Amino acid sequence: MKNIFVFGLDDFNLSELRALPGAAEYNIQPLFRYQDVKSGPEFPVRELYDGALGQLERFNGSIDAIVGYWDFPVSTMLPLLCRRFGLPGPGFEAVLKCEHKYWSRREQQRVVPEHIPPFCAVNPFSERYREQISIGYPFWIKPVRAASSHLGFRVNNDRQLKTAIDRIRENIFRFAAPFNYLLQFAELPPEIAPIDGYHCIAEGIISRGVQCTLEGYVYQGDVCIYGAVDSIREGRHRSSFARYQYPSAIPARVQQRMTDVTQRFLHAIGFDNGPFNIEFYWDRRRDRVWLLEINNRISKSHCPLFRHVDGRSHHQIMIDLALGRKPDFPHRQGHYRYAAKFMWREYADAMVNRVPDAEQMHSICQRFPSAQIQLHIHEGMRLSQLKDQDSYSYEVAVLFLGGNSQRELLHKYAQVQQLMNLGLTPICRSDSGCREEG
């Protein structure tokens, strides 16, 4: 038996882990639960770090692997824990060169400058923040560390910039303070050290074309890409994800160019023995590839997609790498040709007055065997109470579905939405927290 500690364990991903072929050999141990890590008003990173060390040191047995599939703070803390217990995994500085958005862009500028937009660091608490921005409108502004497009804004003029800065000043602490605590464990270059978690990055618009995510890993210096997933966006600025769909429809020659960029960057920063996913845009009209960002973890959102199409969740890759083994992953051995994760979004605040009960949810899943549904809302709440949303929408549910064509996937999704029959009453008062898309 291998003792595998999962940082931020939750029931959905536990079921994916237990479905792996070698699961009988895994003794899955929770290293905190999801609600301890992600659901509070703040990320208690000091308590999580000290508590994780204490639990691991008290464990009466071998510590064979420490894994996680969540973004901050889990993805940032994992390399520290693995280093402490001598386990395989990428180095902490290599991870920060992925996660610290400004540091990452600086490294990308050094290695693959032709694939990134213009960018600059911004201190949102400076009264002269506009003078720090060296690129013209329109551009995106976002914290150097956040997740799920939280506090990311497209700005077209000074008025929208001021609105974005005000929102960032009010809410950036949720990620900034805990990120700064973890930065103390790194040796930061002089040009990066002043740009802490309370800073933002502004960068030119590259959201034209098709967005694609490569899922891969590095094992003993070799970069392997095992899947490409399309990200379909919606909304006024195409800023909100509508669905992830696998496999990608982008031509193989373009995917190979993305792979080449990925290999150059990961080799340059010394990232090794870990999974990753890296996001690109392909501007079809100009036939140009743009690097958006890289995450040093598997995408939990893609796990059921790989299971439906390839026959196994890529939790397997995460586990294999954490145990020091080269992954052996199947290809196109699943029950469906296509799979998607749909993000059901609303674009204005609303009161939730009806959600399906357990019996109704079970009935829906019986009718659609590939369906997995995660409902984020409950009766009596407002959508504005949801945490870590993007700046333009509220994600009320996610649905995973498999099918044999894109048309079949979209038809199933529409049917499931109709059967769920959510009851939402719009709230449109000036103090309601409705999204501003201007």
Foldseek 3Di string as FASTA:
>chain_A
DAEEEEEADDDVVVVQLCPDPPSVVYDYHYLDHNCLAPVDLAGPQVCSLVSSVVVVVPDDDDHQFYFYFDAPPVLQCRQVVCVVRVFDFWHNQLQCCFAQQVNVVVLCCVFPVQFAFDKFKFQLPDPPRVVRGPDAPFKWKDFSHAPQQFLIDTDGDPVVVVVSSVVCVVRQCRPQVSQQVSCVVDDDDPVCVVRGRNMMMIGHDDPAAWKKKWKWAAAPLDIDTDAMWTFAADDPVSSHTFKIKPHDPDDPVLVVVVVVSVSRSCVSSVGHLFIKMWMWGQNPVVRGIHTDGMHGRGNPQCQLFCCQFFVGGCVQVHVQSRSNHHDDGGGRPHPENMKMKGFDKDFWKWAWADWDDPVLVVVLCVVAVSKDKDADDDHGDIQVPDPRHRQGIGGGMMIMHGHHDPVVVVVSVVVSVVSRPTDIGGDDDPPRSGHDDD
